[in-house]
Amino acid sequence: MRRRSPARNLGKIVAVVALLLFTLFPVYWMVSSAFDAQASSGGQSLVPKEFTWDNFTYVLNEGGFDVFLRNSAIVAIVTVLASAVVALLASVAVARFKFKFRTAMLLMILVVQMVPLEALVIPLFVQVRDLGLLNTLLGLMVVYVALSLPFGIWMLRGFVAAVPVELEEAAYIDGASWWRMFRSIMLPLVMPGLVATSVFSFITAWNEFIFAMTLLGGATENYTVAIGLKSFFGLHSNEWGYIMAASTLITLPVMIFFVIVQRRLSSGLVAGAVKG
């Protein structure tokens, strides 16, 4: 076997380190500025000279970010659960059953994913207004579920179609009901796709700004974290310490959610083929 030259190995190490620095430096700057007492005055440095929790205290108390976090958590959890259930059942229907206009429906789902979100703001605003759900979290949840469903159905359809029909038939022969087959065979095998769509739905509901700002309007008590962060940007100056502290609080739930579900993303690949 040919030995790799030390210069080539060193070049790869340098490239990896440079990529990590480029990727992680904004995160480090955000976190360090959040704990820097001089960040709001523009005097922050690479290493905080004066460590403080005041930025987080102000954001959660005077800034009202505790309410924004609660609203975003409610919206994100409901969106993930509702879109996961509806997308999974719909994907089973389009992958396993033959019915009229099935191909046309799949094409419509694919076309919806190609439409820019900005083009849907006004039509969805009109629909939510006609339903009487403007300035409410429920109206925002309905919109987020609608935005998540096309991606979820299209992705889960591939996972459901990849499950051998023979596994389902074997379960029926063994006396299992449809629900038992779905719970013990189908669900574990499609779990990686379900987790992937849940991550997409959560990130969409947690970070989305345009629809939240349009649909919630002046209902400040229903604002999500994306809109709440805007309140720390001033006309002539920005409170960078508060902004970085709020940004850190916004980032943590996404990281925690991904850590929780990433095990299911890998273990679900083989769990459905294990008898038990």
C-alpha atoms as a PDB file:
ATOM      1  CA  MET A   1       0.000   0.000   0.000  1.00  0.00           C
ATOM      2  CA  ARG A   2       1.171   3.481  -0.804  1.00  0.00           C
ATOM      3  CA  ARG A   3       1.942   5.655   2.174  1.00  0.00           C
ATOM      4  CA  ARG A   4       0.481   9.084   2.319  1.00  0.00           C
ATOM      5  CA  SER A   5       3.044  11.831   2.485  1.00  0.00           C
ATOM      6  CA  PRO A   6       3.206  13.905   5.695  1.00  0.00           C
ATOM      7  CA  ALA A   7       2.672  17.084   3.663  1.00  0.00           C
ATOM      8  CA  ARG A   8      -0.584  15.732   2.249  1.00  0.00           C
ATOM      9  CA  ASN A   9      -1.844  14.723   5.680  1.00  0.00           C
ATOM     10  CA  LEU A  10      -0.869  18.118   7.072  1.00  0.00           C
ATOM     11  CA  GLY A  11      -2.740  19.845   4.258  1.00  0.00           C
ATOM     12  CA  LYS A  12      -5.904  17.887   5.056  1.00  0.00           C
ATOM     13  CA  ILE A  13      -5.607  18.726   8.751  1.00  0.00           C
ATOM     14  CA  VAL A  14      -5.171  22.415   7.981  1.00  0.00           C
ATOM     15  CA  ALA A  15      -8.161  22.355   5.622  1.00  0.00           C
ATOM     16  CA  VAL A  16     -10.384  20.650   8.220  1.00  0.00           C
ATOM     17  CA  VAL A  17      -9.305  23.070  10.955  1.00  0.00           C
ATOM     18  CA  ALA A  18      -9.924  26.053   8.679  1.00  0.00           C
ATOM     19  CA  LEU A  19     -13.395  24.727   7.808  1.00  0.00           C
ATOM     20  CA  LEU A  20     -14.245  24.198  11.475  1.00  0.00           C
ATOM     21  CA  LEU A  21     -13.059  27.695  12.383  1.00  0.00           C
ATOM     22  CA  PHE A  22     -15.100  29.208   9.559  1.00  0.00           C
ATOM     23  CA  THR A  23     -18.194  27.267  10.620  1.00  0.00           C
ATOM     24  CA  LEU A  24     -17.962  27.511  14.403  1.00  0.00           C
ATOM     25  CA  PHE A  25     -16.557  31.023  14.856  1.00  0.00           C
ATOM     26  CA  PRO A  26     -19.974  32.758  14.418  1.00  0.00           C
ATOM     27  CA  VAL A  27     -21.410  30.447  17.077  1.00  0.00           C
ATOM     28  CA  TYR A  28     -18.532  31.206  19.434  1.00  0.00           C
ATOM     29  CA  TRP A  29     -18.895  34.948  18.813  1.00  0.00           C
ATOM     30  CA  MET A  30     -22.609  34.753  19.546  1.00  0.00           C
ATOM     31  CA  VAL A  31     -22.151  32.874  22.830  1.00  0.00           C
ATOM     32  CA  SER A  32     -19.170  34.939  24.011  1.00  0.00           C
ATOM     33  CA  SER A  33     -20.961  38.207  23.256  1.00  0.00           C
ATOM     34  CA  ALA A  34     -24.008  36.970  25.161  1.00  0.00           C
ATOM     35  CA  PHE A  35     -21.892  36.733  28.320  1.00  0.00           C
ATOM     36  CA  ASP A  36     -19.898  39.932  27.667  1.00  0.00           C
ATOM     37  CA  ALA A  37     -20.972  42.940  29.725  1.00  0.00           C
ATOM     38  CA  GLN A  38     -19.462  45.309  27.146  1.00  0.00           C
ATOM     39  CA  ALA A  39     -21.214  43.792  24.126  1.00  0.00           C
ATOM     40  CA  SER A  40     -24.107  46.257  24.104  1.00  0.00           C
ATOM     41  CA  SER A  41     -21.702  49.187  23.984  1.00  0.00           C
ATOM     42  CA  GLY A  42     -19.767  47.673  21.075  1.00  0.00           C
ATOM     43  CA  GLY A  43     -16.709  46.833  23.179  1.00  0.00           C
ATOM     44  CA  GLN A  44     -16.928  43.038  22.984  1.00  0.00           C
ATOM     45  CA  SER A  45     -13.759  41.031  22.406  1.00  0.00           C
ATOM     46  CA  LEU A  46     -12.856  37.459  21.510  1.00  0.00           C
ATOM     47  CA  VAL A  47     -12.649  36.579  25.203  1.00  0.00           C
ATOM     48  CA  PRO A  48     -15.146  38.450  27.419  1.00  0.00           C
ATOM     49  CA  LYS A  49     -13.287  40.782  29.765  1.00  0.00           C
ATOM     50  CA  GLU A  50     -16.272  41.124  32.081  1.00  0.00           C
ATOM     51  CA  PHE A  51     -18.396  37.990  32.419  1.00  0.00           C
ATOM     52  CA  THR A  52     -22.072  38.602  33.202  1.00  0.00           C
ATOM     53  CA  TRP A  53     -25.532  37.022  33.157  1.00  0.00           C
ATOM     54  CA  ASP A  54     -27.247  40.410  32.905  1.00  0.00           C
ATOM     55  CA  ASN A  55     -27.930  40.064  29.182  1.00  0.00           C
ATOM     56  CA  PHE A  56     -29.916  36.859  29.742  1.00  0.00           C
ATOM     57  CA  THR A  57     -31.667  38.330  32.776  1.00  0.00           C
ATOM     58  CA  TYR A  58     -32.806  41.370  30.827  1.00  0.00           C
ATOM     59  CA  VAL A  59     -33.902  39.331  27.817  1.00  0.00           C
ATOM     60  CA  LEU A  60     -35.993  36.901  29.899  1.00  0.00           C
ATOM     61  CA  ASN A  61     -37.489  39.517  32.240  1.00  0.00           C
ATOM     62  CA  GLU A  62     -37.723  43.013  30.813  1.00  0.00           C
ATOM     63  CA  GLY A  63     -37.459  41.782  27.224  1.00  0.00           C
ATOM     64  CA  GLY A  64     -40.359  39.352  27.631  1.00  0.00           C
ATOM     65  CA  PHE A  65     -38.478  36.547  25.938  1.00  0.00           C
ATOM     66  CA  ASP A  66     -39.898  33.976  28.347  1.00  0.00           C
ATOM     67  CA  VAL A  67     -43.309  34.536  26.737  1.00  0.00           C
ATOM     68  CA  PHE A  68     -41.822  34.332  23.248  1.00  0.00           C
ATOM     69  CA  LEU A  69     -40.093  31.056  24.100  1.00  0.00           C
ATOM     70  CA  ARG A  70     -43.324  29.608  25.476  1.00  0.00           C
ATOM     71  CA  ASN A  71     -45.278  30.620  22.369  1.00  0.00           C
ATOM     72  CA  SER A  72     -42.655  29.190  20.032  1.00  0.00           C
ATOM     73  CA  ALA A  73     -42.501  25.943  22.025  1.00  0.00           C
ATOM     74  CA  ILE A  74     -46.291  25.510  21.797  1.00  0.00           C
ATOM     75  CA  VAL A  75     -46.344  26.269  18.075  1.00  0.00           C
ATOM     76  CA  ALA A  76     -43.361  24.028  17.296  1.00  0.00           C
ATOM     77  CA  ILE A  77     -44.590  21.020  19.307  1.00  0.00           C
ATOM     78  CA  VAL A  78     -48.105  21.154  17.858  1.00  0.00           C
ATOM     79  CA  THR A  79     -46.712  21.606  14.335  1.00  0.00           C
ATOM     80  CA  VAL A  80     -44.345  18.639  14.674  1.00  0.00           C
ATOM     81  CA  LEU A  81     -46.999  16.298  16.094  1.00  0.00           C
ATOM     82  CA  ALA A  82     -49.786  17.301  13.707  1.00  0.00           C
ATOM     83  CA  SER A  83     -47.641  17.285  10.571  1.00  0.00           C
ATOM     84  CA  ALA A  84     -46.031  13.954  11.525  1.00  0.00           C
ATOM     85  CA  VAL A  85     -49.368  12.193  12.029  1.00  0.00           C
ATOM     86  CA  VAL A  86     -51.032  13.617   8.912  1.00  0.00           C
ATOM     87  CA  ALA A  87     -47.962  13.155   6.691  1.00  0.00           C
ATOM     88  CA  LEU A  88     -47.457   9.555   7.836  1.00  0.00           C
ATOM     89  CA  LEU A  89     -51.083   8.544   7.218  1.00  0.00           C
ATOM     90  CA  ALA A  90     -51.167  10.361   3.885  1.00  0.00           C
ATOM     91  CA  SER A  91     -47.891   8.752   2.760  1.00  0.00           C
ATOM     92  CA  VAL A  92     -49.251   5.295   3.602  1.00  0.00           C
ATOM     93  CA  ALA A  93     -52.360   6.074   1.566  1.00  0.00           C
ATOM     94  CA  VAL A  94     -50.506   7.239  -1.561  1.00  0.00           C
ATOM     95  CA  ALA A  95     -47.871   4.490  -1.344  1.00  0.00           C
ATOM     96  CA  ARG A  96     -50.076   1.475  -0.553  1.00  0.00           C
ATOM     97  CA  PHE A  97     -53.519   2.213  -2.006  1.00  0.00           C
ATOM     98  CA  LYS A  98     -54.536   2.850  -5.578  1.00  0.00           C
ATOM     99  CA  PHE A  99     -57.220   5.454  -6.118  1.00  0.00           C
ATOM    100  CA  LYS A 100     -58.276   7.972  -8.708  1.00  0.00           C
ATOM    101  CA  PHE A 101     -56.066  11.033  -9.228  1.00  0.00           C
ATOM    102  CA  ARG A 102     -53.288   9.576  -7.055  1.00  0.00           C
ATOM    103  CA  THR A 103     -50.587  10.550  -9.576  1.00  0.00           C
ATOM    104  CA  ALA A 104     -52.077  14.013  -9.997  1.00  0.00           C
ATOM    105  CA  MET A 105     -52.084  14.465  -6.224  1.00  0.00           C
ATOM    106  CA  LEU A 106     -48.409  13.511  -5.981  1.00  0.00           C
ATOM    107  CA  LEU A 107     -47.554  15.950  -8.752  1.00  0.00           C
ATOM    108  CA  MET A 108     -49.457  18.710  -6.947  1.00  0.00           C
ATOM    109  CA  ILE A 109     -47.507  17.969  -3.768  1.00  0.00           C
ATOM    110  CA  LEU A 110     -44.252  18.195  -5.733  1.00  0.00           C
ATOM    111  CA  VAL A 111     -45.280  21.469  -7.392  1.00  0.00           C
ATOM    112  CA  VAL A 112     -46.179  23.039  -4.039  1.00  0.00           C
ATOM    113  CA  GLN A 113     -42.630  22.439  -2.801  1.00  0.00           C
ATOM    114  CA  MET A 114     -41.273  24.443  -5.749  1.00  0.00           C
ATOM    115  CA  VAL A 115     -43.359  27.534  -4.985  1.00  0.00           C
ATOM    116  CA  PRO A 116     -41.404  30.230  -3.059  1.00  0.00           C
ATOM    117  CA  LEU A 117     -42.807  30.802   0.416  1.00  0.00           C
ATOM    118  CA  GLU A 118     -42.994  34.537  -0.194  1.00  0.00           C
ATOM    119  CA  ALA A 119     -45.566  33.909  -2.948  1.00  0.00           C
ATOM    120  CA  LEU A 120     -47.857  32.178  -0.432  1.00  0.00           C
ATOM    121  CA  VAL A 121     -47.930  34.936   2.167  1.00  0.00           C
ATOM    122  CA  ILE A 122     -50.913  36.857   0.771  1.00  0.00           C
ATOM    123  CA  PRO A 123     -53.077  33.804  -0.144  1.00  0.00           C
ATOM    124  CA  LEU A 124     -52.508  32.220   3.261  1.00  0.00           C
ATOM    125  CA  PHE A 125     -53.120  35.542   4.993  1.00  0.00           C
ATOM    126  CA  VAL A 126     -56.492  35.830   3.238  1.00  0.00           C
ATOM    127  CA  GLN A 127     -57.439  32.257   4.172  1.00  0.00           C
ATOM    128  CA  VAL A 128     -56.463  32.705   7.819  1.00  0.00           C
ATOM    129  CA  ARG A 129     -58.373  36.002   7.926  1.00  0.00           C
ATOM    130  CA  ASP A 130     -61.492  34.364   6.496  1.00  0.00           C
ATOM    131  CA  LEU A 131     -61.227  31.644   9.144  1.00  0.00           C
ATOM    132  CA  GLY A 132     -61.079  34.297  11.860  1.00  0.00           C
ATOM    133  CA  LEU A 133     -57.672  33.093  13.095  1.00  0.00           C
ATOM    134  CA  LEU A 134     -55.584  36.230  12.590  1.00  0.00           C
ATOM    135  CA  ASN A 135     -53.427  37.271  15.575  1.00  0.00           C
ATOM    136  CA  THR A 136     -53.745  33.789  17.095  1.00  0.00           C
ATOM    137  CA  LEU A 137     -51.272  30.968  17.614  1.00  0.00           C
ATOM    138  CA  LEU A 138     -53.793  28.506  16.198  1.00  0.00           C
ATOM    139  CA  GLY A 139     -53.786  30.277  12.839  1.00  0.00           C
ATOM    140  CA  LEU A 140     -49.997  30.213  12.791  1.00  0.00           C
ATOM    141  CA  MET A 141     -49.984  26.475  13.612  1.00  0.00           C
ATOM    142  CA  VAL A 142     -52.379  25.750  10.750  1.00  0.00           C
ATOM    143  CA  VAL A 143     -50.101  27.576   8.309  1.00  0.00           C
ATOM    144  CA  TYR A 144     -46.953  25.844   9.545  1.00  0.00           C
ATOM    145  CA  VAL A 145     -48.586  22.417   9.304  1.00  0.00           C
ATOM    146  CA  ALA A 146     -49.658  23.239   5.751  1.00  0.00           C
ATOM    147  CA  LEU A 147     -46.110  24.287   4.873  1.00  0.00           C
ATOM    148  CA  SER A 148     -44.598  21.130   6.374  1.00  0.00           C
ATOM    149  CA  LEU A 149     -46.984  18.589   4.837  1.00  0.00           C
ATOM    150  CA  PRO A 150     -45.769  18.591   1.187  1.00  0.00           C
ATOM    151  CA  PHE A 151     -42.164  17.844   2.185  1.00  0.00           C
ATOM    152  CA  GLY A 152     -43.261  15.312   4.811  1.00  0.00           C
ATOM    153  CA  ILE A 153     -45.633  13.403   2.536  1.00  0.00           C
ATOM    154  CA  TRP A 154     -43.158  13.260  -0.339  1.00  0.00           C
ATOM    155  CA  MET A 155     -40.296  12.046   1.845  1.00  0.00           C
ATOM    156  CA  LEU A 156     -42.308   9.523   3.871  1.00  0.00           C
ATOM    157  CA  ARG A 157     -43.868   8.108   0.721  1.00  0.00           C
ATOM    158  CA  GLY A 158     -40.428   6.843  -0.320  1.00  0.00           C
ATOM    159  CA  PHE A 159     -39.863   5.230   3.079  1.00  0.00           C
ATOM    160  CA  VAL A 160     -43.268   3.549   3.054  1.00  0.00           C
ATOM    161  CA  ALA A 161     -42.825   2.319  -0.510  1.00  0.00           C
ATOM    162  CA  ALA A 162     -39.432   0.817   0.448  1.00  0.00           C
ATOM    163  CA  VAL A 163     -41.018  -1.412   3.111  1.00  0.00           C
ATOM    164  CA  PRO A 164     -41.565  -4.868   1.537  1.00  0.00           C
ATOM    165  CA  VAL A 165     -45.206  -5.792   1.240  1.00  0.00           C
ATOM    166  CA  GLU A 166     -44.226  -9.354   2.242  1.00  0.00           C
ATOM    167  CA  LEU A 167     -43.542  -8.134   5.789  1.00  0.00           C
ATOM    168  CA  GLU A 168     -47.085  -6.843   6.083  1.00  0.00           C
ATOM    169  CA  GLU A 169     -48.528 -10.023   4.594  1.00  0.00           C
ATOM    170  CA  ALA A 170     -46.501 -12.141   7.024  1.00  0.00           C
ATOM    171  CA  ALA A 171     -47.875 -10.127   9.927  1.00  0.00           C
ATOM    172  CA  TYR A 172     -51.435 -10.640   8.704  1.00  0.00           C
ATOM    173  CA  ILE A 173     -50.811 -14.383   8.371  1.00  0.00           C
ATOM    174  CA  ASP A 174     -49.553 -14.472  11.964  1.00  0.00           C
ATOM    175  CA  GLY A 175     -52.859 -12.966  13.055  1.00  0.00           C
ATOM    176  CA  ALA A 176     -51.810  -9.351  13.542  1.00  0.00           C
ATOM    177  CA  SER A 177     -54.366  -6.629  12.994  1.00  0.00           C
ATOM    178  CA  TRP A 178     -53.679  -3.649  10.726  1.00  0.00           C
ATOM    179  CA  TRP A 179     -52.917  -1.467  13.738  1.00  0.00           C
ATOM    180  CA  ARG A 180     -50.520  -4.071  15.201  1.00  0.00           C
ATOM    181  CA  MET A 181     -48.768  -4.422  11.848  1.00  0.00           C
ATOM    182  CA  PHE A 182     -48.530  -0.638  11.520  1.00  0.00           C
ATOM    183  CA  ARG A 183     -47.181  -0.192  15.043  1.00  0.00           C
ATOM    184  CA  SER A 184     -44.709  -3.117  15.080  1.00  0.00           C
ATOM    185  CA  ILE A 185     -43.477  -3.208  11.469  1.00  0.00           C
ATOM    186  CA  MET A 186     -44.342  -0.143   9.429  1.00  0.00           C
ATOM    187  CA  LEU A 187     -43.689   2.558  12.036  1.00  0.00           C
ATOM    188  CA  PRO A 188     -40.175   1.395  13.092  1.00  0.00           C
ATOM    189  CA  LEU A 189     -39.061   1.067   9.461  1.00  0.00           C
ATOM    190  CA  VAL A 190     -40.251   4.545   8.479  1.00  0.00           C
ATOM    191  CA  MET A 191     -39.014   6.129  11.720  1.00  0.00           C
ATOM    192  CA  PRO A 192     -35.832   7.602  10.116  1.00  0.00           C
ATOM    193  CA  GLY A 193     -37.975   9.470   7.588  1.00  0.00           C
ATOM    194  CA  LEU A 194     -40.427  10.515  10.291  1.00  0.00           C
ATOM    195  CA  VAL A 195     -37.592  11.916  12.380  1.00  0.00           C
ATOM    196  CA  ALA A 196     -36.152  13.784   9.387  1.00  0.00           C
ATOM    197  CA  THR A 197     -39.517  15.379   8.609  1.00  0.00           C
ATOM    198  CA  SER A 198     -39.998  16.221  12.298  1.00  0.00           C
ATOM    199  CA  VAL A 199     -36.656  18.050  12.346  1.00  0.00           C
ATOM    200  CA  PHE A 200     -37.691  20.008   9.249  1.00  0.00           C
ATOM    201  CA  SER A 201     -41.082  20.861  10.771  1.00  0.00           C
ATOM    202  CA  PHE A 202     -39.535  21.935  14.075  1.00  0.00           C
ATOM    203  CA  ILE A 203     -36.935  24.183  12.457  1.00  0.00           C
ATOM    204  CA  THR A 204     -39.588  25.717  10.188  1.00  0.00           C
ATOM    205  CA  ALA A 205     -41.937  26.465  13.086  1.00  0.00           C
ATOM    206  CA  TRP A 206     -39.163  27.695  15.387  1.00  0.00           C
ATOM    207  CA  ASN A 207     -37.219  29.987  13.067  1.00  0.00           C
ATOM    208  CA  GLU A 208     -39.854  31.217  10.596  1.00  0.00           C
ATOM    209  CA  PHE A 209     -40.316  34.994  10.563  1.00  0.00           C
ATOM    210  CA  ILE A 210     -42.333  36.251   7.560  1.00  0.00           C
ATOM    211  CA  PHE A 211     -45.569  34.334   8.197  1.00  0.00           C
ATOM    212  CA  ALA A 212     -45.366  34.902  11.944  1.00  0.00           C
ATOM    213  CA  MET A 213     -44.952  38.647  11.484  1.00  0.00           C
ATOM    214  CA  THR A 214     -47.752  38.812   8.919  1.00  0.00           C
ATOM    215  CA  LEU A 215     -50.321  36.657  10.718  1.00  0.00           C
ATOM    216  CA  LEU A 216     -49.713  37.798  14.296  1.00  0.00           C
ATOM    217  CA  GLY A 217     -49.649  41.524  13.493  1.00  0.00           C
ATOM    218  CA  GLY A 218     -49.889  43.590  16.660  1.00  0.00           C
ATOM    219  CA  ALA A 219     -50.698  40.711  19.029  1.00  0.00           C
ATOM    220  CA  THR A 220     -47.456  41.066  20.988  1.00  0.00           C
ATOM    221  CA  GLU A 221     -48.580  38.531  23.594  1.00  0.00           C
ATOM    222  CA  ASN A 222     -48.523  35.844  20.854  1.00  0.00           C
ATOM    223  CA  TYR A 223     -45.170  36.752  19.328  1.00  0.00           C
ATOM    224  CA  THR A 224     -42.679  33.944  18.682  1.00  0.00           C
ATOM    225  CA  VAL A 225     -38.930  34.130  19.235  1.00  0.00           C
ATOM    226  CA  ALA A 226     -38.209  35.140  15.643  1.00  0.00           C
ATOM    227  CA  ILE A 227     -40.362  38.262  16.010  1.00  0.00           C
ATOM    228  CA  GLY A 228     -39.249  38.872  19.592  1.00  0.00           C
ATOM    229  CA  LEU A 229     -35.621  39.062  18.494  1.00  0.00           C
ATOM    230  CA  LYS A 230     -36.490  41.986  16.227  1.00  0.00           C
ATOM    231  CA  SER A 231     -37.466  44.094  19.232  1.00  0.00           C
ATOM    232  CA  PHE A 232     -33.810  44.429  20.276  1.00  0.00           C
ATOM    233  CA  PHE A 233     -32.854  46.092  16.996  1.00  0.00           C
ATOM    234  CA  GLY A 234     -33.183  49.866  17.289  1.00  0.00           C
ATOM    235  CA  LEU A 235     -33.514  52.594  14.696  1.00  0.00           C
ATOM    236  CA  HIS A 236     -30.135  54.178  15.434  1.00  0.00           C
ATOM    237  CA  SER A 237     -28.388  51.525  17.549  1.00  0.00           C
ATOM    238  CA  ASN A 238     -28.604  47.812  18.333  1.00  0.00           C
ATOM    239  CA  GLU A 239     -28.360  46.136  21.731  1.00  0.00           C
ATOM    240  CA  TRP A 240     -25.849  43.495  20.693  1.00  0.00           C
ATOM    241  CA  GLY A 241     -25.538  41.948  24.132  1.00  0.00           C
ATOM    242  CA  TYR A 242     -29.288  41.379  24.320  1.00  0.00           C
ATOM    243  CA  ILE A 243     -29.418  40.247  20.689  1.00  0.00           C
ATOM    244  CA  MET A 244     -26.683  37.641  21.218  1.00  0.00           C
ATOM    245  CA  ALA A 245     -28.258  36.420  24.449  1.00  0.00           C
ATOM    246  CA  ALA A 246     -31.639  36.039  22.745  1.00  0.00           C
ATOM    247  CA  SER A 247     -30.001  34.314  19.762  1.00  0.00           C
ATOM    248  CA  THR A 248     -28.328  31.850  22.116  1.00  0.00           C
ATOM    249  CA  LEU A 249     -31.681  31.081  23.747  1.00  0.00           C
ATOM    250  CA  ILE A 250     -33.223  30.536  20.303  1.00  0.00           C
ATOM    251  CA  THR A 251     -30.444  28.155  19.249  1.00  0.00           C
ATOM    252  CA  LEU A 252     -30.467  25.909  22.339  1.00  0.00           C
ATOM    253  CA  PRO A 253     -33.923  24.278  21.834  1.00  0.00           C
ATOM    254  CA  VAL A 254     -33.063  23.339  18.239  1.00  0.00           C
ATOM    255  CA  MET A 255     -29.836  21.692  19.363  1.00  0.00           C
ATOM    256  CA  ILE A 256     -31.588  19.874  22.221  1.00  0.00           C
ATOM    257  CA  PHE A 257     -34.347  18.642  19.911  1.00  0.00           C
ATOM    258  CA  PHE A 258     -31.821  17.325  17.388  1.00  0.00           C
ATOM    259  CA  VAL A 259     -29.819  15.537  20.097  1.00  0.00           C
ATOM    260  CA  ILE A 260     -33.005  13.877  21.348  1.00  0.00           C
ATOM    261  CA  VAL A 261     -34.147  12.597  17.942  1.00  0.00           C
ATOM    262  CA  GLN A 262     -30.808  11.769  16.302  1.00  0.00           C
ATOM    263  CA  ARG A 263     -30.662   8.360  18.023  1.00  0.00           C
ATOM    264  CA  ARG A 264     -34.013   7.434  16.531  1.00  0.00           C
ATOM    265  CA  LEU A 265     -32.709   8.498  13.139  1.00  0.00           C
ATOM    266  CA  SER A 266     -30.069   5.754  13.186  1.00  0.00           C
ATOM    267  CA  SER A 267     -31.691   3.053  15.336  1.00  0.00           C
ATOM    268  CA  GLY A 268     -34.909   3.134  13.342  1.00  0.00           C
ATOM    269  CA  LEU A 269     -33.133   1.800  10.258  1.00  0.00           C
ATOM    270  CA  VAL A 270     -33.080  -1.770  11.611  1.00  0.00           C
ATOM    271  CA  ALA A 271     -35.580  -1.767  14.473  1.00  0.00           C
ATOM    272  CA  GLY A 272     -38.529  -2.775  12.299  1.00  0.00           C
ATOM    273  CA  ALA A 273     -36.863  -5.946  11.031  1.00  0.00           C
ATOM    274  CA  VAL A 274     -36.324  -7.310  14.569  1.00  0.00           C
ATOM    275  CA  LYS A 275     -39.022  -9.670  15.787  1.00  0.00           C
ATOM    276  CA  GLY A 276     -40.421  -8.887  19.219  1.00  0.00           C
END
